[in-house]
C-alpha atoms as a PDB file:
ATOM      1  CA  UNK A   1       5.811 -13.734 -17.354  1.00  0.00           C
ATOM      2  CA  UNK A   2       5.610  -9.776 -16.024  1.00  0.00           C
ATOM      3  CA  UNK A   3       2.412 -10.532 -13.867  1.00  0.00           C
ATOM      4  CA  UNK A   4       4.289 -13.922 -12.503  1.00  0.00           C
ATOM      5  CA  UNK A   5       7.099 -11.707 -11.537  1.00  0.00           C
ATOM      6  CA  UNK A   6       5.014  -9.580  -9.938  1.00  0.00           C
ATOM      7  CA  UNK A   7       3.226 -12.170  -7.986  1.00  0.00           C
ATOM      8  CA  UNK A   8       6.295 -13.586  -7.151  1.00  0.00           C
ATOM      9  CA  UNK A   9       7.386 -10.006  -5.893  1.00  0.00           C
ATOM     10  CA  UNK A  10       4.393 -10.111  -3.593  1.00  0.00           C
ATOM     11  CA  UNK A  11       5.220 -13.123  -1.997  1.00  0.00           C
ATOM     12  CA  UNK A  12       8.770 -12.376  -1.109  1.00  0.00           C
ATOM     13  CA  UNK A  13       9.821  -8.647  -1.957  1.00  0.00           C
ATOM     14  CA  UNK A  14      13.530  -9.776  -1.550  1.00  0.00           C
ATOM     15  CA  UNK A  15      13.441 -13.109  -3.510  1.00  0.00           C
ATOM     16  CA  UNK A  16      16.659 -13.378  -5.367  1.00  0.00           C
ATOM     17  CA  UNK A  17      15.997 -13.478  -9.426  1.00  0.00           C
ATOM     18  CA  UNK A  18      17.431 -16.800  -9.600  1.00  0.00           C
ATOM     19  CA  UNK A  19      15.227 -18.066  -7.362  1.00  0.00           C
ATOM     20  CA  UNK A  20      11.878 -16.316  -8.739  1.00  0.00           C
ATOM     21  CA  UNK A  21      13.829 -17.881 -12.311  1.00  0.00           C
ATOM     22  CA  UNK A  22      13.581 -21.488 -10.913  1.00  0.00           C
ATOM     23  CA  UNK A  23      10.007 -21.384  -9.630  1.00  0.00           C
ATOM     24  CA  UNK A  24       9.060 -19.677 -13.118  1.00  0.00           C
ATOM     25  CA  UNK A  25      11.384 -22.276 -15.056  1.00  0.00           C
ATOM     26  CA  UNK A  26      13.208 -19.515 -17.049  1.00  0.00           C
ATOM     27  CA  UNK A  27      16.499 -18.233 -16.712  1.00  0.00           C
ATOM     28  CA  UNK A  28      17.859 -15.757 -14.159  1.00  0.00           C
ATOM     29  CA  UNK A  29      18.679 -12.841 -16.933  1.00  0.00           C
ATOM     30  CA  UNK A  30      15.134 -13.341 -18.238  1.00  0.00           C
ATOM     31  CA  UNK A  31      13.931 -12.318 -14.911  1.00  0.00           C
ATOM     32  CA  UNK A  32      16.541  -9.608 -14.435  1.00  0.00           C
ATOM     33  CA  UNK A  33      15.911  -7.953 -17.636  1.00  0.00           C
ATOM     34  CA  UNK A  34      11.848  -8.004 -17.701  1.00  0.00           C
ATOM     35  CA  UNK A  35      11.976  -6.699 -13.960  1.00  0.00           C
ATOM     36  CA  UNK A  36      14.570  -4.156 -14.973  1.00  0.00           C
ATOM     37  CA  UNK A  37      11.655  -2.991 -17.574  1.00  0.00           C
ATOM     38  CA  UNK A  38       9.268  -3.020 -15.363  1.00  0.00           C
ATOM     39  CA  UNK A  39      10.935  -0.760 -13.267  1.00  0.00           C
ATOM     40  CA  UNK A  40      12.122   1.759 -15.579  1.00  0.00           C
ATOM     41  CA  UNK A  41       8.920   1.799 -17.870  1.00  0.00           C
ATOM     42  CA  UNK A  42       6.002   1.125 -15.445  1.00  0.00           C
ATOM     43  CA  UNK A  43       7.481   1.976 -12.316  1.00  0.00           C
ATOM     44  CA  UNK A  44       7.973  -1.131 -10.409  1.00  0.00           C
ATOM     45  CA  UNK A  45       9.378  -0.504  -6.950  1.00  0.00           C
ATOM     46  CA  UNK A  46       9.285  -3.218  -3.995  1.00  0.00           C
ATOM     47  CA  UNK A  47       9.218  -1.454  -0.789  1.00  0.00           C
ATOM     48  CA  UNK A  48       9.350  -2.220   3.170  1.00  0.00           C
ATOM     49  CA  UNK A  49       6.406  -1.763   5.337  1.00  0.00           C
ATOM     50  CA  UNK A  50       6.933  -1.079   8.740  1.00  0.00           C
ATOM     51  CA  UNK A  51       5.014  -2.911  11.656  1.00  0.00           C
ATOM     52  CA  UNK A  52       1.915  -4.021   9.388  1.00  0.00           C
ATOM     53  CA  UNK A  53       0.276  -5.371  12.450  1.00  0.00           C
ATOM     54  CA  UNK A  54       0.125  -1.963  13.642  1.00  0.00           C
ATOM     55  CA  UNK A  55      -3.583  -1.167  14.697  1.00  0.00           C
ATOM     56  CA  UNK A  56      -5.586   0.722  12.282  1.00  0.00           C
ATOM     57  CA  UNK A  57      -6.164   3.343  14.924  1.00  0.00           C
ATOM     58  CA  UNK A  58      -2.667   4.634  14.658  1.00  0.00           C
ATOM     59  CA  UNK A  59      -3.409   6.051  10.894  1.00  0.00           C
ATOM     60  CA  UNK A  60      -6.021   8.740   9.493  1.00  0.00           C
ATOM     61  CA  UNK A  61      -7.244   9.370   6.239  1.00  0.00           C
ATOM     62  CA  UNK A  62      -7.699  12.853   5.827  1.00  0.00           C
ATOM     63  CA  UNK A  63      -9.745  14.835   3.184  1.00  0.00           C
ATOM     64  CA  UNK A  64      -8.779  18.405   1.636  1.00  0.00           C
ATOM     65  CA  UNK A  65     -10.475  20.483  -0.647  1.00  0.00           C
ATOM     66  CA  UNK A  66      -9.096  22.973  -2.559  1.00  0.00           C
ATOM     67  CA  UNK A  67      -9.224  25.327  -5.295  1.00  0.00           C
ATOM     68  CA  UNK A  68      -8.777  23.992  -9.079  1.00  0.00           C
ATOM     69  CA  UNK A  69      -5.605  26.079  -9.399  1.00  0.00           C
ATOM     70  CA  UNK A  70      -3.885  25.053  -5.955  1.00  0.00           C
ATOM     71  CA  UNK A  71      -5.043  21.540  -5.839  1.00  0.00           C
ATOM     72  CA  UNK A  72      -2.128  19.943  -7.762  1.00  0.00           C
ATOM     73  CA  UNK A  73       0.617  22.015  -6.116  1.00  0.00           C
ATOM     74  CA  UNK A  74      -0.814  20.921  -2.431  1.00  0.00           C
ATOM     75  CA  UNK A  75      -0.889  17.555  -3.310  1.00  0.00           C
ATOM     76  CA  UNK A  76       2.282  17.315  -4.490  1.00  0.00           C
ATOM     77  CA  UNK A  77       3.564  18.982  -1.467  1.00  0.00           C
ATOM     78  CA  UNK A  78       1.617  16.354   0.598  1.00  0.00           C
ATOM     79  CA  UNK A  79       3.451  13.428  -1.740  1.00  0.00           C
ATOM     80  CA  UNK A  80       6.851  14.749  -0.753  1.00  0.00           C
ATOM     81  CA  UNK A  81       6.599  14.681   2.891  1.00  0.00           C
ATOM     82  CA  UNK A  82       7.758  11.358   4.698  1.00  0.00           C
ATOM     83  CA  UNK A  83       4.942  11.048   6.877  1.00  0.00           C
ATOM     84  CA  UNK A  84       2.215  10.855   4.382  1.00  0.00           C
ATOM     85  CA  UNK A  85       1.019   7.587   2.171  1.00  0.00           C
ATOM     86  CA  UNK A  86      -1.683   7.105  -0.225  1.00  0.00           C
ATOM     87  CA  UNK A  87      -2.020  10.634  -1.467  1.00  0.00           C
ATOM     88  CA  UNK A  88      -4.638  10.862  -3.988  1.00  0.00           C
ATOM     89  CA  UNK A  89      -6.220  13.400  -5.989  1.00  0.00           C
ATOM     90  CA  UNK A  90     -10.082  12.569  -6.406  1.00  0.00           C
ATOM     91  CA  UNK A  91     -13.364  13.781  -7.168  1.00  0.00           C
ATOM     92  CA  UNK A  92     -12.512  16.092 -10.515  1.00  0.00           C
ATOM     93  CA  UNK A  93      -8.969  16.726  -8.973  1.00  0.00           C
ATOM     94  CA  UNK A  94      -9.986  19.252  -6.628  1.00  0.00           C
ATOM     95  CA  UNK A  95     -10.089  17.328  -3.608  1.00  0.00           C
ATOM     96  CA  UNK A  96      -6.874  15.212  -2.019  1.00  0.00           C
ATOM     97  CA  UNK A  97      -7.247  12.281   0.082  1.00  0.00           C
ATOM     98  CA  UNK A  98      -3.904  11.265   2.022  1.00  0.00           C
ATOM     99  CA  UNK A  99      -3.262   8.945   4.903  1.00  0.00           C
ATOM    100  CA  UNK A 100      -1.304   9.984   8.084  1.00  0.00           C
ATOM    101  CA  UNK A 101       0.018   8.527  11.430  1.00  0.00           C
ATOM    102  CA  UNK A 102      -1.991  10.112  14.463  1.00  0.00           C
ATOM    103  CA  UNK A 103       1.715  11.699  15.691  1.00  0.00           C
ATOM    104  CA  UNK A 104       1.716  13.618  12.349  1.00  0.00           C
ATOM    105  CA  UNK A 105      -1.782  14.451  11.672  1.00  0.00           C
ATOM    106  CA  UNK A 106      -2.731  16.805  14.491  1.00  0.00           C
ATOM    107  CA  UNK A 107       0.544  19.224  13.705  1.00  0.00           C
ATOM    108  CA  UNK A 108      -0.683  19.226   9.898  1.00  0.00           C
ATOM    109  CA  UNK A 109      -4.123  20.149  10.657  1.00  0.00           C
ATOM    110  CA  UNK A 110      -4.147  22.702  13.380  1.00  0.00           C
ATOM    111  CA  UNK A 111      -0.751  24.527  12.301  1.00  0.00           C
ATOM    112  CA  UNK A 112       0.292  23.753   8.941  1.00  0.00           C
ATOM    113  CA  UNK A 113      -3.191  23.433   6.750  1.00  0.00           C
ATOM    114  CA  UNK A 114      -4.464  26.906   8.193  1.00  0.00           C
ATOM    115  CA  UNK A 115      -1.540  28.283   6.634  1.00  0.00           C
ATOM    116  CA  UNK A 116      -2.304  27.809   3.076  1.00  0.00           C
ATOM    117  CA  UNK A 117      -4.506  29.467   0.968  1.00  0.00           C
ATOM    118  CA  UNK A 118      -7.590  28.560  -0.728  1.00  0.00           C
ATOM    119  CA  UNK A 119      -8.045  24.955   1.032  1.00  0.00           C
ATOM    120  CA  UNK A 120     -11.736  25.070   1.488  1.00  0.00           C
ATOM    121  CA  UNK A 121     -12.445  22.097   3.569  1.00  0.00           C
ATOM    122  CA  UNK A 122     -10.914  19.667   5.832  1.00  0.00           C
ATOM    123  CA  UNK A 123     -11.977  16.273   7.348  1.00  0.00           C
ATOM    124  CA  UNK A 124     -10.209  13.602   9.163  1.00  0.00           C
ATOM    125  CA  UNK A 125     -11.246  10.168   9.785  1.00  0.00           C
ATOM    126  CA  UNK A 126      -9.315   7.894  11.864  1.00  0.00           C
ATOM    127  CA  UNK A 127      -9.106   4.527  10.901  1.00  0.00           C
ATOM    128  CA  UNK A 128     -10.329   2.232  13.544  1.00  0.00           C
ATOM    129  CA  UNK A 129     -10.345  -1.337  12.038  1.00  0.00           C
ATOM    130  CA  UNK A 130      -8.966  -2.724   8.709  1.00  0.00           C
ATOM    131  CA  UNK A 131     -10.989  -5.310   7.264  1.00  0.00           C
ATOM    132  CA  UNK A 132      -8.945  -5.677   3.696  1.00  0.00           C
ATOM    133  CA  UNK A 133      -5.638  -4.459   3.012  1.00  0.00           C
ATOM    134  CA  UNK A 134      -1.831  -5.053   2.399  1.00  0.00           C
ATOM    135  CA  UNK A 135       0.337  -6.669  -0.201  1.00  0.00           C
ATOM    136  CA  UNK A 136      -2.355  -9.285  -0.878  1.00  0.00           C
ATOM    137  CA  UNK A 137      -5.532  -7.696  -0.707  1.00  0.00           C
ATOM    138  CA  UNK A 138      -6.447  -7.084  -3.948  1.00  0.00           C
ATOM    139  CA  UNK A 139      -7.135 -10.480  -6.206  1.00  0.00           C
ATOM    140  CA  UNK A 140      -5.720  -9.304  -8.992  1.00  0.00           C
ATOM    141  CA  UNK A 141      -2.246  -9.115  -7.814  1.00  0.00           C
ATOM    142  CA  UNK A 142      -2.347 -13.226  -6.969  1.00  0.00           C
ATOM    143  CA  UNK A 143      -3.559 -14.978  -9.870  1.00  0.00           C
ATOM    144  CA  UNK A 144      -0.039 -15.513 -11.760  1.00  0.00           C
ATOM    145  CA  UNK A 145       1.115 -18.162 -10.078  1.00  0.00           C
ATOM    146  CA  UNK A 146      -0.007 -21.657  -9.494  1.00  0.00           C
ATOM    147  CA  UNK A 147      -0.502 -22.994  -6.018  1.00  0.00           C
ATOM    148  CA  UNK A 148       2.299 -25.059  -6.085  1.00  0.00           C
ATOM    149  CA  UNK A 149       4.622 -22.107  -7.463  1.00  0.00           C
ATOM    150  CA  UNK A 150       3.392 -20.010  -4.703  1.00  0.00           C
ATOM    151  CA  UNK A 151       4.253 -22.502  -2.044  1.00  0.00           C
ATOM    152  CA  UNK A 152       7.722 -22.868  -3.381  1.00  0.00           C
ATOM    153  CA  UNK A 153       8.165 -19.349  -3.085  1.00  0.00           C
ATOM    154  CA  UNK A 154       7.158 -19.144   0.580  1.00  0.00           C
ATOM    155  CA  UNK A 155       9.500 -21.827   1.481  1.00  0.00           C
ATOM    156  CA  UNK A 156      12.072 -19.269   2.852  1.00  0.00           C
ATOM    157  CA  UNK A 157      15.384 -20.301   3.325  1.00  0.00           C
ATOM    158  CA  UNK A 158      16.541 -21.758   6.541  1.00  0.00           C
ATOM    159  CA  UNK A 159      17.785 -19.213   9.222  1.00  0.00           C
ATOM    160  CA  UNK A 160      19.787 -20.218  12.182  1.00  0.00           C
ATOM    161  CA  UNK A 161      17.487 -20.422  15.427  1.00  0.00           C
ATOM    162  CA  UNK A 162      20.026 -18.479  17.238  1.00  0.00           C
ATOM    163  CA  UNK A 163      19.655 -15.418  14.988  1.00  0.00           C
ATOM    164  CA  UNK A 164      17.795 -13.400  17.595  1.00  0.00           C
ATOM    165  CA  UNK A 165      15.613 -14.457  20.497  1.00  0.00           C
ATOM    166  CA  UNK A 166      11.979 -14.242  20.301  1.00  0.00           C
ATOM    167  CA  UNK A 167      11.704 -11.090  22.559  1.00  0.00           C
ATOM    168  CA  UNK A 168      14.173  -9.573  20.186  1.00  0.00           C
ATOM    169  CA  UNK A 169      11.837 -10.140  17.479  1.00  0.00           C
ATOM    170  CA  UNK A 170       8.565  -8.730  19.108  1.00  0.00           C
ATOM    171  CA  UNK A 171       9.478  -4.988  18.760  1.00  0.00           C
ATOM    172  CA  UNK A 172      11.376  -2.499  16.930  1.00  0.00           C
ATOM    173  CA  UNK A 173      14.547  -1.149  18.563  1.00  0.00           C
ATOM    174  CA  UNK A 174      16.135   2.173  18.014  1.00  0.00           C
ATOM    175  CA  UNK A 175      18.853   1.019  16.108  1.00  0.00           C
ATOM    176  CA  UNK A 176      16.362  -0.499  13.772  1.00  0.00           C
ATOM    177  CA  UNK A 177      15.642   3.447  12.302  1.00  0.00           C
ATOM    178  CA  UNK A 178      18.249   3.578   9.529  1.00  0.00           C
ATOM    179  CA  UNK A 179      17.798   0.032   8.359  1.00  0.00           C
ATOM    180  CA  UNK A 180      13.815   0.386   7.670  1.00  0.00           C
ATOM    181  CA  UNK A 181      14.058   3.914   6.321  1.00  0.00           C
ATOM    182  CA  UNK A 182      16.402   2.395   3.904  1.00  0.00           C
ATOM    183  CA  UNK A 183      13.968  -0.608   3.369  1.00  0.00           C
ATOM    184  CA  UNK A 184      11.000   1.696   3.060  1.00  0.00           C
ATOM    185  CA  UNK A 185      12.586   3.316   0.009  1.00  0.00           C
ATOM    186  CA  UNK A 186      13.826   0.216  -1.857  1.00  0.00           C
ATOM    187  CA  UNK A 187      13.070  -2.944  -0.451  1.00  0.00           C
ATOM    188  CA  UNK A 188      15.614  -4.459  -2.799  1.00  0.00           C
ATOM    189  CA  UNK A 189      18.624  -2.618  -1.695  1.00  0.00           C
ATOM    190  CA  UNK A 190      21.463  -5.051  -1.388  1.00  0.00           C
ATOM    191  CA  UNK A 191      22.735  -6.280   1.835  1.00  0.00           C
ATOM    192  CA  UNK A 192      26.048  -4.561   1.233  1.00  0.00           C
ATOM    193  CA  UNK A 193      24.476  -1.162   0.554  1.00  0.00           C
ATOM    194  CA  UNK A 194      22.263  -1.704   3.443  1.00  0.00           C
ATOM    195  CA  UNK A 195      25.428  -2.179   5.620  1.00  0.00           C
ATOM    196  CA  UNK A 196      27.273   0.808   4.401  1.00  0.00           C
ATOM    197  CA  UNK A 197      23.942   3.447   5.352  1.00  0.00           C
ATOM    198  CA  UNK A 198      23.418   1.610   8.785  1.00  0.00           C
ATOM    199  CA  UNK A 199      27.340   1.033   9.480  1.00  0.00           C
ATOM    200  CA  UNK A 200      26.879  -2.420  10.766  1.00  0.00           C
ATOM    201  CA  UNK A 201      27.994  -5.568   8.966  1.00  0.00           C
ATOM    202  CA  UNK A 202      26.063  -7.250   6.444  1.00  0.00           C
ATOM    203  CA  UNK A 203      25.568 -10.646   8.895  1.00  0.00           C
ATOM    204  CA  UNK A 204      24.264  -8.216  11.195  1.00  0.00           C
ATOM    205  CA  UNK A 205      21.806  -6.730   9.032  1.00  0.00           C
ATOM    206  CA  UNK A 206      21.050 -10.376   7.246  1.00  0.00           C
ATOM    207  CA  UNK A 207      20.009 -11.593  11.190  1.00  0.00           C
ATOM    208  CA  UNK A 208      18.097  -8.729  12.024  1.00  0.00           C
ATOM    209  CA  UNK A 209      16.170  -8.083   8.726  1.00  0.00           C
ATOM    210  CA  UNK A 210      15.084 -12.082   8.941  1.00  0.00           C
ATOM    211  CA  UNK A 211      14.148 -11.188  12.786  1.00  0.00           C
ATOM    212  CA  UNK A 212      11.989  -8.403  11.631  1.00  0.00           C
ATOM    213  CA  UNK A 213      10.452 -10.572   9.439  1.00  0.00           C
ATOM    214  CA  UNK A 214       9.886 -13.556  11.292  1.00  0.00           C
ATOM    215  CA  UNK A 215       8.124 -11.377  14.423  1.00  0.00           C
ATOM    216  CA  UNK A 216       5.814  -9.496  11.925  1.00  0.00           C
ATOM    217  CA  UNK A 217       7.317  -6.250  12.111  1.00  0.00           C
ATOM    218  CA  UNK A 218       8.525  -6.033   8.456  1.00  0.00           C
ATOM    219  CA  UNK A 219       6.717  -6.720   5.566  1.00  0.00           C
ATOM    220  CA  UNK A 220       7.620  -6.122   1.789  1.00  0.00           C
ATOM    221  CA  UNK A 221       4.560  -4.652  -0.824  1.00  0.00           C
ATOM    222  CA  UNK A 222       4.842  -3.791  -4.448  1.00  0.00           C
ATOM    223  CA  UNK A 223       4.448  -0.499  -6.333  1.00  0.00           C
ATOM    224  CA  UNK A 224       3.457  -0.463  -9.794  1.00  0.00           C
ATOM    225  CA  UNK A 225       1.339   1.194 -12.516  1.00  0.00           C
ATOM    226  CA  UNK A 226      -2.271   0.267 -12.506  1.00  0.00           C
ATOM    227  CA  UNK A 227      -2.048  -0.163 -16.208  1.00  0.00           C
ATOM    228  CA  UNK A 228      -0.306  -3.547 -16.034  1.00  0.00           C
ATOM    229  CA  UNK A 229      -3.540  -5.429 -14.618  1.00  0.00           C
ATOM    230  CA  UNK A 230      -5.897  -3.220 -17.159  1.00  0.00           C
ATOM    231  CA  UNK A 231      -7.516  -1.019 -14.390  1.00  0.00           C
ATOM    232  CA  UNK A 232      -8.459   2.294 -15.825  1.00  0.00           C
ATOM    233  CA  UNK A 233     -11.226   3.448 -12.863  1.00  0.00           C
ATOM    234  CA  UNK A 234     -10.389   3.816  -9.239  1.00  0.00           C
ATOM    235  CA  UNK A 235     -12.729   5.026  -6.641  1.00  0.00           C
ATOM    236  CA  UNK A 236     -12.784   5.643  -2.965  1.00  0.00           C
ATOM    237  CA  UNK A 237     -16.533   4.592  -1.335  1.00  0.00           C
ATOM    238  CA  UNK A 238     -17.474   6.640   1.958  1.00  0.00           C
ATOM    239  CA  UNK A 239     -20.563   4.533   3.259  1.00  0.00           C
ATOM    240  CA  UNK A 240     -22.408   4.870   6.190  1.00  0.00           C
ATOM    241  CA  UNK A 241     -23.842   1.496   7.631  1.00  0.00           C
ATOM    242  CA  UNK A 242     -25.837   0.634  10.641  1.00  0.00           C
ATOM    243  CA  UNK A 243     -23.488  -0.075  13.457  1.00  0.00           C
ATOM    244  CA  UNK A 244     -25.080  -3.493  14.041  1.00  0.00           C
ATOM    245  CA  UNK A 245     -24.566  -4.837  10.250  1.00  0.00           C
ATOM    246  CA  UNK A 246     -20.929  -3.185  10.286  1.00  0.00           C
ATOM    247  CA  UNK A 247     -18.996  -6.419  10.648  1.00  0.00           C
ATOM    248  CA  UNK A 248     -21.779  -8.476   8.242  1.00  0.00           C
ATOM    249  CA  UNK A 249     -21.365  -5.823   5.248  1.00  0.00           C
ATOM    250  CA  UNK A 250     -17.378  -5.863   5.546  1.00  0.00           C
ATOM    251  CA  UNK A 251     -17.285  -9.870   5.810  1.00  0.00           C
ATOM    252  CA  UNK A 252     -19.386  -9.864   2.613  1.00  0.00           C
ATOM    253  CA  UNK A 253     -17.557  -6.708   0.786  1.00  0.00           C
ATOM    254  CA  UNK A 254     -13.892  -8.465   1.405  1.00  0.00           C
ATOM    255  CA  UNK A 255     -15.032 -11.580  -0.859  1.00  0.00           C
ATOM    256  CA  UNK A 256     -15.442  -9.022  -3.718  1.00  0.00           C
ATOM    257  CA  UNK A 257     -12.644  -9.083  -6.118  1.00  0.00           C
ATOM    258  CA  UNK A 258     -12.900  -5.259  -7.220  1.00  0.00           C
ATOM    259  CA  UNK A 259     -12.097  -4.135  -3.644  1.00  0.00           C
ATOM    260  CA  UNK A 260      -8.056  -3.602  -2.686  1.00  0.00           C
ATOM    261  CA  UNK A 261      -9.167  -1.758   0.614  1.00  0.00           C
ATOM    262  CA  UNK A 262     -11.949  -1.832   3.181  1.00  0.00           C
ATOM    263  CA  UNK A 263     -11.713  -0.273   6.852  1.00  0.00           C
ATOM    264  CA  UNK A 264     -13.916   1.217   9.517  1.00  0.00           C
ATOM    265  CA  UNK A 265     -13.427   4.921  10.272  1.00  0.00           C
ATOM    266  CA  UNK A 266     -15.092   7.772  12.339  1.00  0.00           C
ATOM    267  CA  UNK A 267     -16.663  10.575  10.944  1.00  0.00           C
ATOM    268  CA  UNK A 268     -20.098  10.751   8.982  1.00  0.00           C
ATOM    269  CA  UNK A 269     -19.341   7.862   7.276  1.00  0.00           C
ATOM    270  CA  UNK A 270     -18.223   4.671   8.952  1.00  0.00           C
ATOM    271  CA  UNK A 271     -16.704   2.418   5.947  1.00  0.00           C
ATOM    272  CA  UNK A 272     -14.133   3.339   3.386  1.00  0.00           C
ATOM    273  CA  UNK A 273     -13.100   1.053   0.605  1.00  0.00           C
ATOM    274  CA  UNK A 274     -11.116   1.311  -2.557  1.00  0.00           C
ATOM    275  CA  UNK A 275     -12.655  -0.101  -5.573  1.00  0.00           C
ATOM    276  CA  UNK A 276     -10.452  -1.054  -8.608  1.00  0.00           C
ATOM    277  CA  UNK A 277     -12.104  -1.631 -11.844  1.00  0.00           C
ATOM    278  CA  UNK A 278     -11.315  -1.872 -15.997  1.00  0.00           C
ATOM    279  CA  UNK A 279     -13.926   0.778 -16.664  1.00  0.00           C
ATOM    280  CA  UNK A 280     -16.546   3.177 -15.760  1.00  0.00           C
ATOM    281  CA  UNK A 281     -18.950   0.896 -16.688  1.00  0.00           C
ATOM    282  CA  UNK A 282     -17.722  -1.803 -14.495  1.00  0.00           C
ATOM    283  CA  UNK A 283     -17.516   0.332 -11.808  1.00  0.00           C
ATOM    284  CA  UNK A 284     -21.096   1.033 -12.412  1.00  0.00           C
ATOM    285  CA  UNK A 285     -22.472  -2.421 -12.457  1.00  0.00           C
ATOM    286  CA  UNK A 286     -20.426  -2.952  -8.979  1.00  0.00           C
ATOM    287  CA  UNK A 287     -22.040   0.009  -7.469  1.00  0.00           C
ATOM    288  CA  UNK A 288     -25.686  -0.997  -8.874  1.00  0.00           C
ATOM    289  CA  UNK A 289     -25.705  -4.862  -8.441  1.00  0.00           C
ATOM    290  CA  UNK A 290     -23.464  -5.668  -5.963  1.00  0.00           C
ATOM    291  CA  UNK A 291     -23.520  -3.008  -3.263  1.00  0.00           C
ATOM    292  CA  UNK A 292     -26.999  -2.353  -3.863  1.00  0.00           C
ATOM    293  CA  UNK A 293     -27.675  -5.859  -2.475  1.00  0.00           C
ATOM    294  CA  UNK A 294     -26.234  -4.676   0.858  1.00  0.00           C
ATOM    295  CA  UNK A 295     -29.502  -3.420   2.309  1.00  0.00           C
ATOM    296  CA  UNK A 296     -27.504  -2.027   5.272  1.00  0.00           C
ATOM    297  CA  UNK A 297     -25.554   0.299   3.479  1.00  0.00           C
ATOM    298  CA  UNK A 298     -27.633   3.731   4.097  1.00  0.00           C
ATOM    299  CA  UNK A 299     -25.473   6.135   2.415  1.00  0.00           C
ATOM    300  CA  UNK A 300     -22.571   5.671  -0.191  1.00  0.00           C
ATOM    301  CA  UNK A 301     -20.205   8.731  -1.486  1.00  0.00           C
ATOM    302  CA  UNK A 302     -18.326   7.603  -4.664  1.00  0.00           C
ATOM    303  CA  UNK A 303     -15.047   9.610  -4.832  1.00  0.00           C
ATOM    304  CA  UNK A 304     -13.221   8.791  -8.429  1.00  0.00           C
ATOM    305  CA  UNK A 305      -9.525   8.680  -8.148  1.00  0.00           C
ATOM    306  CA  UNK A 306      -8.121  11.092 -10.697  1.00  0.00           C
ATOM    307  CA  UNK A 307      -4.417  10.393  -9.722  1.00  0.00           C
ATOM    308  CA  UNK A 308      -2.371   8.591  -7.150  1.00  0.00           C
ATOM    309  CA  UNK A 309       0.631  10.539  -6.666  1.00  0.00           C
ATOM    310  CA  UNK A 310       2.044   8.296  -3.943  1.00  0.00           C
ATOM    311  CA  UNK A 311       1.110   4.954  -2.792  1.00  0.00           C
ATOM    312  CA  UNK A 312       2.368   2.665   0.570  1.00  0.00           C
ATOM    313  CA  UNK A 313       6.141   3.948   0.870  1.00  0.00           C
ATOM    314  CA  UNK A 314       6.444   7.318   2.736  1.00  0.00           C
ATOM    315  CA  UNK A 315       9.164   8.103   0.318  1.00  0.00           C
ATOM    316  CA  UNK A 316       8.015   9.500  -2.983  1.00  0.00           C
ATOM    317  CA  UNK A 317       9.658   7.748  -6.049  1.00  0.00           C
ATOM    318  CA  UNK A 318      11.579   9.905  -8.611  1.00  0.00           C
ATOM    319  CA  UNK A 319       9.925   7.816 -11.518  1.00  0.00           C
ATOM    320  CA  UNK A 320       6.569   9.747 -12.930  1.00  0.00           C
ATOM    321  CA  UNK A 321       5.199   6.639 -14.028  1.00  0.00           C
ATOM    322  CA  UNK A 322       4.180   5.400 -10.937  1.00  0.00           C
ATOM    323  CA  UNK A 323       1.232   7.934 -11.080  1.00  0.00           C
ATOM    324  CA  UNK A 324      -1.928   6.163 -11.023  1.00  0.00           C
ATOM    325  CA  UNK A 325       0.316   3.206  -9.439  1.00  0.00           C
ATOM    326  CA  UNK A 326      -1.592   0.552  -7.102  1.00  0.00           C
END
């Protein structure tokens, strides 16, 4: 039942409990109660993801190597910033890996990091193209509901065609800032609370939110502790692939059930992936059997994820159980 609720929220993060209950054939109270437990005990949170169609080149993956005495404090400082996502401690806990957008990374690299003592190495890799990523990237998230149940949830409530003109749906406006910030922090915030935070009416908020989703400028993701799915071992894979075979290798890898993310990057390696496994042995088998069959991978570096401090939302959740989230 918990997996079904999480799967339902990945399809429609703002679906009312009553609608989820109808699809699952249970009471609204059951869904609400289980959602509350998942939130309090396993760090479940629905978050808004702004402009998911933005080209990958608008983002960078940064890797910092710090001394054992300072790595954790530096990682938490980065996680508390509103311009970072996917902050992880990797490779024994002395390396920090995180994502920033192009506008913010320059200031961090050239002004702020040089002021921090005990950072030994810094590297920045621009994301060029994302092959796999987003709310439904990892197959383990999306196996609980039947095809019929998924289709039932995807049938969005009818919205009047005159809510927004197509051109208005095509881009974010200056007035969307407060609305989107609130949804990035809590994707299930009520329309009443959204109206209070933005100073707009609930009806205006409802129309604009529907327009942003219809125009592909806003989607919703689910943050949840990895232990829900039995995941104990996560690793970032940094690969060097012959450029002529890059797309072919990526097309093969995105079919692997272990993969949650895959993108091409700049730097000494040109392909980065996130792998989720249930044990170190499963990770070994994946590397030794599945990846070894791809001859075009000329070099591979495996960075075990020790702790995930922050995931897709730029706003850090106060729930400590969000560590090791997926």
